[in-house]
PDB file of N, CA and C in Angstrom:
ATOM      1  N   MET A   1     183.286  56.093 188.077  1.00  0.00           N
ATOM      2  CA  MET A   1     182.005  56.086 188.780  1.00  0.00           C
ATOM      3  C   MET A   1     180.878  56.301 187.775  1.00  0.00           C
ATOM      4  N   ALA A   2     179.877  55.487 187.860  1.00  0.00           N
ATOM      5  CA  ALA A   2     178.752  55.576 186.930  1.00  0.00           C
ATOM      6  C   ALA A   2     177.847  56.745 187.297  1.00  0.00           C
ATOM      7  N   SER A   3     177.354  57.398 186.293  1.00  0.00           N
ATOM      8  CA  SER A   3     176.435  58.508 186.492  1.00  0.00           C
ATOM      9  C   SER A   3     175.037  57.969 186.764  1.00  0.00           C
ATOM     10  N   LEU A   4     174.310  58.647 187.621  1.00  0.00           N
ATOM     11  CA  LEU A   4     172.940  58.253 187.911  1.00  0.00           C
ATOM     12  C   LEU A   4     171.981  58.699 186.816  1.00  0.00           C
ATOM     13  N   LEU A   5     172.404  59.679 186.052  1.00  0.00           N
ATOM     14  CA  LEU A   5     171.559  60.208 184.985  1.00  0.00           C
ATOM     15  C   LEU A   5     171.857  59.496 183.672  1.00  0.00           C
ATOM     16  N   PRO A   6     170.825  59.179 182.914  1.00  0.00           N
ATOM     17  CA  PRO A   6     171.066  58.549 181.608  1.00  0.00           C
ATOM     18  C   PRO A   6     171.666  59.565 180.644  1.00  0.00           C
ATOM     19  N   PRO A   7     172.365  59.079 179.612  1.00  0.00           N
ATOM     20  CA  PRO A   7     172.905  60.012 178.625  1.00  0.00           C
ATOM     21  C   PRO A   7     171.788  60.763 177.911  1.00  0.00           C
ATOM     22  N   VAL A   8     171.991  62.051 177.715  1.00  0.00           N
ATOM     23  CA  VAL A   8     171.004  62.877 177.015  1.00  0.00           C
ATOM     24  C   VAL A   8     171.635  63.336 175.710  1.00  0.00           C
ATOM     25  N   HIS A   9     171.014  62.949 174.612  1.00  0.00           N
ATOM     26  CA  HIS A   9     171.515  63.337 173.287  1.00  0.00           C
ATOM     27  C   HIS A   9     171.260  64.827 173.077  1.00  0.00           C
ATOM     28  N   PRO A  10     172.210  65.534 172.468  1.00  0.00           N
ATOM     29  CA  PRO A  10     172.002  66.962 172.194  1.00  0.00           C
ATOM     30  C   PRO A  10     170.754  67.234 171.359  1.00  0.00           C
ATOM     31  N   GLY A  11     170.375  66.266 170.529  1.00  0.00           N
ATOM     32  CA  GLY A  11     169.158  66.431 169.741  1.00  0.00           C
ATOM     33  C   GLY A  11     167.913  66.526 170.602  1.00  0.00           C
ATOM     34  N   GLU A  12     167.917  65.824 171.737  1.00  0.00           N
ATOM     35  CA  GLU A  12     166.785  65.914 172.662  1.00  0.00           C
ATOM     36  C   GLU A  12     166.706  67.317 173.260  1.00  0.00           C
ATOM     37  N   ILE A  13     167.858  67.873 173.621  1.00  0.00           N
ATOM     38  CA  ILE A  13     167.894  69.246 174.145  1.00  0.00           C
ATOM     39  C   ILE A  13     167.415  70.224 173.079  1.00  0.00           C
ATOM     40  N   LEU A  14     167.933  70.080 171.875  1.00  0.00           N
ATOM     41  CA  LEU A  14     167.511  70.952 170.772  1.00  0.00           C
ATOM     42  C   LEU A  14     166.001  70.888 170.580  1.00  0.00           C
ATOM     43  N   ARG A  15     165.481  69.689 170.527  1.00  0.00           N
ATOM     44  CA  ARG A  15     164.054  69.482 170.276  1.00  0.00           C
ATOM     45  C   ARG A  15     163.190  70.006 171.429  1.00  0.00           C
ATOM     46  N   GLU A  16     163.496  69.540 172.650  1.00  0.00           N
ATOM     47  CA  GLU A  16     162.616  69.814 173.793  1.00  0.00           C
ATOM     48  C   GLU A  16     162.789  71.198 174.412  1.00  0.00           C
ATOM     49  N   GLU A  17     164.004  71.734 174.351  1.00  0.00           N
ATOM     50  CA  GLU A  17     164.260  73.022 175.002  1.00  0.00           C
ATOM     51  C   GLU A  17     164.238  74.208 174.042  1.00  0.00           C
ATOM     52  N   TYR A  18     164.310  73.931 172.760  1.00  0.00           N
ATOM     53  CA  TYR A  18     164.355  75.017 171.787  1.00  0.00           C
ATOM     54  C   TYR A  18     163.237  74.917 170.747  1.00  0.00           C
ATOM     55  N   LEU A  19     163.197  73.843 169.988  1.00  0.00           N
ATOM     56  CA  LEU A  19     162.223  73.751 168.891  1.00  0.00           C
ATOM     57  C   LEU A  19     160.785  73.714 169.388  1.00  0.00           C
ATOM     58  N   VAL A  20     160.486  72.846 170.340  1.00  0.00           N
ATOM     59  CA  VAL A  20     159.099  72.727 170.819  1.00  0.00           C
ATOM     60  C   VAL A  20     158.600  74.041 171.428  1.00  0.00           C
ATOM     61  N   PRO A  21     159.344  74.652 172.377  1.00  0.00           N
ATOM     62  CA  PRO A  21     158.841  75.917 172.941  1.00  0.00           C
ATOM     63  C   PRO A  21     158.685  77.033 171.909  1.00  0.00           C
ATOM     64  N   LEU A  22     159.541  77.026 170.895  1.00  0.00           N
ATOM     65  CA  LEU A  22     159.449  78.059 169.856  1.00  0.00           C
ATOM     66  C   LEU A  22     158.444  77.707 168.769  1.00  0.00           C
ATOM     67  N   ARG A  23     157.890  76.496 168.859  1.00  0.00           N
ATOM     68  CA  ARG A  23     156.982  75.985 167.815  1.00  0.00           C
ATOM     69  C   ARG A  23     157.649  76.099 166.443  1.00  0.00           C
ATOM     70  N   MET A  24     158.921  75.688 166.407  1.00  0.00           N
ATOM     71  CA  MET A  24     159.707  75.768 165.183  1.00  0.00           C
ATOM     72  C   MET A  24     160.021  74.355 164.697  1.00  0.00           C
ATOM     73  N   SER A  25     159.878  74.139 163.418  1.00  0.00           N
ATOM     74  CA  SER A  25     160.214  72.831 162.851  1.00  0.00           C
ATOM     75  C   SER A  25     161.725  72.751 162.616  1.00  0.00           C
ATOM     76  N   ALA A  26     162.210  71.532 162.498  1.00  0.00           N
ATOM     77  CA  ALA A  26     163.620  71.334 162.175  1.00  0.00           C
ATOM     78  C   ALA A  26     163.943  71.962 160.821  1.00  0.00           C
ATOM     79  N   GLY A  27     163.019  71.856 159.889  1.00  0.00           N
ATOM     80  CA  GLY A  27     163.221  72.451 158.569  1.00  0.00           C
ATOM     81  C   GLY A  27     163.335  73.961 158.626  1.00  0.00           C
ATOM     82  N   ALA A  28     162.502  74.589 159.443  1.00  0.00           N
ATOM     83  CA  ALA A  28     162.558  76.048 159.584  1.00  0.00           C
ATOM     84  C   ALA A  28     163.885  76.473 160.205  1.00  0.00           C
ATOM     85  N   LEU A  29     164.338  75.732 161.214  1.00  0.00           N
ATOM     86  CA  LEU A  29     165.628  76.049 161.822  1.00  0.00           C
ATOM     87  C   LEU A  29     166.748  75.867 160.806  1.00  0.00           C
ATOM     88  N   ALA A  30     166.701  74.797 160.048  1.00  0.00           N
ATOM     89  CA  ALA A  30     167.726  74.541 159.036  1.00  0.00           C
ATOM     90  C   ALA A  30     167.817  75.705 158.042  1.00  0.00           C
ATOM     91  N   ARG A  31     166.677  76.227 157.629  1.00  0.00           N
ATOM     92  CA  ARG A  31     166.679  77.370 156.707  1.00  0.00           C
ATOM     93  C   ARG A  31     167.368  78.576 157.342  1.00  0.00           C
ATOM     94  N   LYS A  32     167.081  78.828 158.621  1.00  0.00           N
ATOM     95  CA  LYS A  32     167.685  79.971 159.306  1.00  0.00           C
ATOM     96  C   LYS A  32     169.196  79.780 159.492  1.00  0.00           C
ATOM     97  N   LEU A  33     169.617  78.520 159.648  1.00  0.00           N
ATOM     98  CA  LEU A  33     171.034  78.226 159.834  1.00  0.00           C
ATOM     99  C   LEU A  33     171.775  78.049 158.514  1.00  0.00           C
ATOM    100  N   ASN A  34     171.020  78.016 157.416  1.00  0.00           N
ATOM    101  CA  ASN A  34     171.590  77.811 156.083  1.00  0.00           C
ATOM    102  C   ASN A  34     172.330  76.471 155.984  1.00  0.00           C
ATOM    103  N   VAL A  35     171.644  75.415 156.457  1.00  0.00           N
ATOM    104  CA  VAL A  35     172.177  74.047 156.367  1.00  0.00           C
ATOM    105  C   VAL A  35     171.095  73.151 155.767  1.00  0.00           C
ATOM    106  N   PRO A  36     171.472  71.972 155.300  1.00  0.00           N
ATOM    107  CA  PRO A  36     170.458  71.058 154.769  1.00  0.00           C
ATOM    108  C   PRO A  36     169.419  70.682 155.835  1.00  0.00           C
ATOM    109  N   ARG A  37     168.186  70.614 155.425  1.00  0.00           N
ATOM    110  CA  ARG A  37     167.079  70.265 156.321  1.00  0.00           C
ATOM    111  C   ARG A  37     167.345  68.962 157.050  1.00  0.00           C
ATOM    112  N   THR A  38     167.892  67.985 156.328  1.00  0.00           N
ATOM    113  CA  THR A  38     168.123  66.669 156.925  1.00  0.00           C
ATOM    114  C   THR A  38     169.133  66.717 158.069  1.00  0.00           C
ATOM    115  N   ARG A  39     170.059  67.669 158.050  1.00  0.00           N
ATOM    116  CA  ARG A  39     171.030  67.767 159.139  1.00  0.00           C
ATOM    117  C   ARG A  39     170.326  68.028 160.464  1.00  0.00           C
ATOM    118  N   ILE A  40     169.424  68.988 160.471  1.00  0.00           N
ATOM    119  CA  ILE A  40     168.729  69.340 161.711  1.00  0.00           C
ATOM    120  C   ILE A  40     167.662  68.292 162.043  1.00  0.00           C
ATOM    121  N   GLU A  41     166.997  67.766 161.045  1.00  0.00           N
ATOM    122  CA  GLU A  41     166.010  66.712 161.297  1.00  0.00           C
ATOM    123  C   GLU A  41     166.664  65.497 161.951  1.00  0.00           C
ATOM    124  N   ARG A  42     167.811  65.077 161.432  1.00  0.00           N
ATOM    125  CA  ARG A  42     168.508  63.904 161.979  1.00  0.00           C
ATOM    126  C   ARG A  42     169.064  64.194 163.376  1.00  0.00           C
ATOM    127  N   LEU A  43     169.509  65.410 163.607  1.00  0.00           N
ATOM    128  CA  LEU A  43     169.988  65.784 164.935  1.00  0.00           C
ATOM    129  C   LEU A  43     168.838  65.764 165.937  1.00  0.00           C
ATOM    130  N   ALA A  44     167.732  66.404 165.588  1.00  0.00           N
ATOM    131  CA  ALA A  44     166.575  66.449 166.487  1.00  0.00           C
ATOM    132  C   ALA A  44     165.985  65.058 166.738  1.00  0.00           C
ATOM    133  N   ALA A  45     166.154  64.154 165.788  1.00  0.00           N
ATOM    134  CA  ALA A  45     165.677  62.774 165.938  1.00  0.00           C
ATOM    135  C   ALA A  45     166.716  61.893 166.643  1.00  0.00           C
ATOM    136  N   GLU A  46     167.819  62.507 167.071  1.00  0.00           N
ATOM    137  CA  GLU A  46     168.882  61.800 167.796  1.00  0.00           C
ATOM    138  C   GLU A  46     169.554  60.719 166.952  1.00  0.00           C
ATOM    139  N   GLN A  47     169.657  60.973 165.660  1.00  0.00           N
ATOM    140  CA  GLN A  47     170.268  60.024 164.729  1.00  0.00           C
ATOM    141  C   GLN A  47     171.680  60.417 164.328  1.00  0.00           C
ATOM    142  N   THR A  48     172.089  61.620 164.658  1.00  0.00           N
ATOM    143  CA  THR A  48     173.412  62.105 164.275  1.00  0.00           C
ATOM    144  C   THR A  48     173.962  63.010 165.372  1.00  0.00           C
ATOM    145  N   ALA A  49     175.240  63.244 165.317  1.00  0.00           N
ATOM    146  CA  ALA A  49     175.915  64.055 166.335  1.00  0.00           C
ATOM    147  C   ALA A  49     175.996  65.526 165.925  1.00  0.00           C
ATOM    148  N   VAL A  50     176.220  66.369 166.916  1.00  0.00           N
ATOM    149  CA  VAL A  50     176.474  67.786 166.663  1.00  0.00           C
ATOM    150  C   VAL A  50     177.900  67.913 166.130  1.00  0.00           C
ATOM    151  N   THR A  51     178.047  68.541 164.988  1.00  0.00           N
ATOM    152  CA  THR A  51     179.375  68.815 164.427  1.00  0.00           C
ATOM    153  C   THR A  51     179.824  70.203 164.885  1.00  0.00           C
ATOM    154  N   ILE A  52     181.086  70.492 164.663  1.00  0.00           N
ATOM    155  CA  ILE A  52     181.610  71.826 164.990  1.00  0.00           C
ATOM    156  C   ILE A  52     180.842  72.896 164.219  1.00  0.00           C
ATOM    157  N   ASP A  53     180.617  72.660 162.937  1.00  0.00           N
ATOM    158  CA  ASP A  53     179.878  73.620 162.110  1.00  0.00           C
ATOM    159  C   ASP A  53     178.477  73.853 162.664  1.00  0.00           C
ATOM    160  N   THR A  54     177.788  72.778 163.019  1.00  0.00           N
ATOM    161  CA  THR A  54     176.432  72.914 163.551  1.00  0.00           C
ATOM    162  C   THR A  54     176.461  73.631 164.893  1.00  0.00           C
ATOM    163  N   ALA A  55     177.443  73.318 165.727  1.00  0.00           N
ATOM    164  CA  ALA A  55     177.559  73.976 167.033  1.00  0.00           C
ATOM    165  C   ALA A  55     177.749  75.484 166.874  1.00  0.00           C
ATOM    166  N   LEU A  56     178.573  75.882 165.916  1.00  0.00           N
ATOM    167  CA  LEU A  56     178.775  77.308 165.654  1.00  0.00           C
ATOM    168  C   LEU A  56     177.469  77.983 165.257  1.00  0.00           C
ATOM    169  N   ARG A  57     176.729  77.330 164.392  1.00  0.00           N
ATOM    170  CA  ARG A  57     175.472  77.900 163.897  1.00  0.00           C
ATOM    171  C   ARG A  57     174.394  77.938 164.980  1.00  0.00           C
ATOM    172  N   LEU A  58     174.268  76.846 165.744  1.00  0.00           N
ATOM    173  CA  LEU A  58     173.280  76.813 166.824  1.00  0.00           C
ATOM    174  C   LEU A  58     173.615  77.849 167.896  1.00  0.00           C
ATOM    175  N   GLY A  59     174.894  77.962 168.226  1.00  0.00           N
ATOM    176  CA  GLY A  59     175.306  78.945 169.222  1.00  0.00           C
ATOM    177  C   GLY A  59     174.962  80.360 168.804  1.00  0.00           C
ATOM    178  N   ARG A  60     175.225  80.657 167.560  1.00  0.00           N
ATOM    179  CA  ARG A  60     174.914  81.998 167.042  1.00  0.00           C
ATOM    180  C   ARG A  60     173.409  82.263 167.057  1.00  0.00           C
ATOM    181  N   PHE A  61     172.643  81.322 166.518  1.00  0.00           N
ATOM    182  CA  PHE A  61     171.213  81.529 166.386  1.00  0.00           C
ATOM    183  C   PHE A  61     170.508  81.626 167.736  1.00  0.00           C
ATOM    184  N   PHE A  62     170.847  80.725 168.663  1.00  0.00           N
ATOM    185  CA  PHE A  62     170.144  80.682 169.938  1.00  0.00           C
ATOM    186  C   PHE A  62     170.786  81.550 171.024  1.00  0.00           C
ATOM    187  N   GLY A  63     171.888  82.237 170.699  1.00  0.00           N
ATOM    188  CA  GLY A  63     172.521  83.103 171.686  1.00  0.00           C
ATOM    189  C   GLY A  63     173.214  82.316 172.793  1.00  0.00           C
ATOM    190  N   THR A  64     173.625  81.103 172.471  1.00  0.00           N
ATOM    191  CA  THR A  64     174.401  80.309 173.421  1.00  0.00           C
ATOM    192  C   THR A  64     175.849  80.361 172.943  1.00  0.00           C
ATOM    193  N   THR A  65     176.612  79.346 173.230  1.00  0.00           N
ATOM    194  CA  THR A  65     177.981  79.273 172.724  1.00  0.00           C
ATOM    195  C   THR A  65     178.131  77.971 171.944  1.00  0.00           C
ATOM    196  N   PRO A  66     179.073  77.917 171.034  1.00  0.00           N
ATOM    197  CA  PRO A  66     179.340  76.641 170.367  1.00  0.00           C
ATOM    198  C   PRO A  66     179.762  75.578 171.381  1.00  0.00           C
ATOM    199  N   GLU A  67     180.481  76.006 172.412  1.00  0.00           N
ATOM    200  CA  GLU A  67     180.926  75.075 173.445  1.00  0.00           C
ATOM    201  C   GLU A  67     179.757  74.393 174.150  1.00  0.00           C
ATOM    202  N   PHE A  68     178.664  75.102 174.342  1.00  0.00           N
ATOM    203  CA  PHE A  68     177.478  74.504 174.959  1.00  0.00           C
ATOM    204  C   PHE A  68     177.048  73.273 174.170  1.00  0.00           C
ATOM    205  N   TRP A  69     176.941  73.402 172.865  1.00  0.00           N
ATOM    206  CA  TRP A  69     176.477  72.306 172.022  1.00  0.00           C
ATOM    207  C   TRP A  69     177.511  71.189 171.924  1.00  0.00           C
ATOM    208  N   ILE A  70     178.786  71.544 171.804  1.00  0.00           N
ATOM    209  CA  ILE A  70     179.843  70.536 171.728  1.00  0.00           C
ATOM    210  C   ILE A  70     179.979  69.805 173.059  1.00  0.00           C
ATOM    211  N   ASN A  71     179.842  70.521 174.167  1.00  0.00           N
ATOM    212  CA  ASN A  71     179.916  69.867 175.477  1.00  0.00           C
ATOM    213  C   ASN A  71     178.752  68.897 175.683  1.00  0.00           C
ATOM    214  N   LEU A  72     177.573  69.236 175.198  1.00  0.00           N
ATOM    215  CA  LEU A  72     176.456  68.291 175.259  1.00  0.00           C
ATOM    216  C   LEU A  72     176.805  67.018 174.494  1.00  0.00           C
ATOM    217  N   GLN A  73     177.391  67.187 173.304  1.00  0.00           N
ATOM    218  CA  GLN A  73     177.756  66.034 172.486  1.00  0.00           C
ATOM    219  C   GLN A  73     178.846  65.213 173.158  1.00  0.00           C
ATOM    220  N   THR A  74     179.863  65.882 173.681  1.00  0.00           N
ATOM    221  CA  THR A  74     180.971  65.182 174.330  1.00  0.00           C
ATOM    222  C   THR A  74     180.488  64.406 175.549  1.00  0.00           C
ATOM    223  N   SER A  75     179.652  65.006 176.356  1.00  0.00           N
ATOM    224  CA  SER A  75     179.108  64.323 177.533  1.00  0.00           C
ATOM    225  C   SER A  75     178.326  63.082 177.124  1.00  0.00           C
ATOM    226  N   TYR A  76     177.501  63.222 176.112  1.00  0.00           N
ATOM    227  CA  TYR A  76     176.717  62.087 175.603  1.00  0.00           C
ATOM    228  C   TYR A  76     177.643  60.982 175.107  1.00  0.00           C
ATOM    229  N   ASP A  77     178.618  61.341 174.287  1.00  0.00           N
ATOM    230  CA  ASP A  77     179.547  60.356 173.728  1.00  0.00           C
ATOM    231  C   ASP A  77     180.323  59.625 174.821  1.00  0.00           C
ATOM    232  N   LEU A  78     180.793  60.362 175.828  1.00  0.00           N
ATOM    233  CA  LEU A  78     181.535  59.743 176.923  1.00  0.00           C
ATOM    234  C   LEU A  78     180.675  58.742 177.694  1.00  0.00           C
ATOM    235  N   LYS A  79     179.440  59.106 177.975  1.00  0.00           N
ATOM    236  CA  LYS A  79     178.564  58.198 178.717  1.00  0.00           C
ATOM    237  C   LYS A  79     178.249  56.941 177.919  1.00  0.00           C
ATOM    238  N   ILE A  80     177.986  57.096 176.646  1.00  0.00           N
ATOM    239  CA  ILE A  80     177.665  55.944 175.791  1.00  0.00           C
ATOM    240  C   ILE A  80     178.884  55.026 175.671  1.00  0.00           C
ATOM    241  N   GLU A  81     180.030  55.611 175.384  1.00  0.00           N
ATOM    242  CA  GLU A  81     181.241  54.812 175.165  1.00  0.00           C
ATOM    243  C   GLU A  81     181.730  54.166 176.453  1.00  0.00           C
ATOM    244  N   SER A  82     181.657  54.884 177.567  1.00  0.00           N
ATOM    245  CA  SER A  82     182.119  54.298 178.828  1.00  0.00           C
ATOM    246  C   SER A  82     181.240  53.137 179.250  1.00  0.00           C
ATOM    247  N   ALA A  83     179.948  53.204 178.975  1.00  0.00           N
ATOM    248  CA  ALA A  83     179.063  52.074 179.278  1.00  0.00           C
ATOM    249  C   ALA A  83     179.376  50.890 178.369  1.00  0.00           C
ATOM    250  N   ALA A  84     179.625  51.171 177.100  1.00  0.00           N
ATOM    251  CA  ALA A  84     179.889  50.101 176.139  1.00  0.00           C
ATOM    252  C   ALA A  84     181.223  49.402 176.399  1.00  0.00           C
ATOM    253  N   LYS A  85     182.191  50.139 176.940  1.00  0.00           N
ATOM    254  CA  LYS A  85     183.535  49.579 177.127  1.00  0.00           C
ATOM    255  C   LYS A  85     183.931  49.483 178.600  1.00  0.00           C
ATOM    256  N   ARG A  86     182.933  49.438 179.467  1.00  0.00           N
ATOM    257  CA  ARG A  86     183.181  49.441 180.914  1.00  0.00           C
ATOM    258  C   ARG A  86     184.206  48.382 181.321  1.00  0.00           C
ATOM    259  N   ASP A  87     184.000  47.124 180.933  1.00  0.00           N
ATOM    260  CA  ASP A  87     184.894  46.041 181.341  1.00  0.00           C
ATOM    261  C   ASP A  87     186.289  46.197 180.730  1.00  0.00           C
ATOM    262  N   GLU A  88     186.333  46.565 179.467  1.00  0.00           N
ATOM    263  CA  GLU A  88     187.621  46.737 178.789  1.00  0.00           C
ATOM    264  C   GLU A  88     188.443  47.846 179.451  1.00  0.00           C
ATOM    265  N   ILE A  89     187.802  48.946 179.768  1.00  0.00           N
ATOM    266  CA  ILE A  89     188.497  50.066 180.408  1.00  0.00           C
ATOM    267  C   ILE A  89     188.901  49.688 181.838  1.00  0.00           C
ATOM    268  N   ALA A  90     188.042  48.996 182.550  1.00  0.00           N
ATOM    269  CA  ALA A  90     188.338  48.582 183.927  1.00  0.00           C
ATOM    270  C   ALA A  90     189.537  47.648 183.986  1.00  0.00           C
ATOM    271  N   ALA A  91     189.804  46.907 182.913  1.00  0.00           N
ATOM    272  CA  ALA A  91     190.927  45.965 182.879  1.00  0.00           C
ATOM    273  C   ALA A  91     192.269  46.647 182.673  1.00  0.00           C
ATOM    274  N   ILE A  92     192.281  47.920 182.327  1.00  0.00           N
ATOM    275  CA  ILE A  92     193.530  48.649 182.133  1.00  0.00           C
ATOM    276  C   ILE A  92     194.121  48.988 183.490  1.00  0.00           C
ATOM    277  N   PRO A  93     195.371  48.633 183.711  1.00  0.00           N
ATOM    278  CA  PRO A  93     195.975  48.933 185.026  1.00  0.00           C
ATOM    279  C   PRO A  93     196.176  50.442 185.192  1.00  0.00           C
ATOM    280  N   VAL A  94     196.132  50.886 186.427  1.00  0.00           N
ATOM    281  CA  VAL A  94     196.386  52.292 186.768  1.00  0.00           C
ATOM    282  C   VAL A  94     197.891  52.456 187.020  1.00  0.00           C
ATOM    283  N   MET A  95     198.488  53.430 186.374  1.00  0.00           N
ATOM    284  CA  MET A  95     199.914  53.671 186.558  1.00  0.00           C
ATOM    285  C   MET A  95     200.174  54.144 187.996  1.00  0.00           C
ATOM    286  N   THR A  96     201.180  53.582 188.596  1.00  0.00           N
ATOM    287  CA  THR A  96     201.549  54.013 189.947  1.00  0.00           C
ATOM    288  C   THR A  96     202.879  54.736 189.884  1.00  0.00           C
ATOM    289  N   ALA A  97     203.105  55.601 190.843  1.00  0.00           N
ATOM    290  CA  ALA A  97     204.358  56.358 190.895  1.00  0.00           C
ATOM    291  C   ALA A  97     205.522  55.410 191.127  1.00  0.00           C
ATOM    292  N   ALA A  98     206.636  55.721 190.512  1.00  0.00           N
ATOM    293  CA  ALA A  98     207.830  54.859 190.620  1.00  0.00           C
ATOM    294  C   ALA A  98     208.531  55.025 191.931  1.00  0.00           C
TER     295      ALA A  98
END
């Protein structure tokens, strides 16, 4: 079943729900997380995915959980991939009980 909501990249959540309200730049967050500036800049620009390492760091810094960030990424990936492969996946037969 198709979702009515469009896929939301974790970078959009990071940017709109955390960085903008805190008036924090991606570079400033990167310094606090002890990661390369480009990692957070590319994530906030929706150009890259949340990695396990980044999820651990974001969870710690923002008082969330790593699972929150990974689940955002997984949900996004599933929606993008299922749309891209809708016909191919639909052509796979469903196993029936013997």
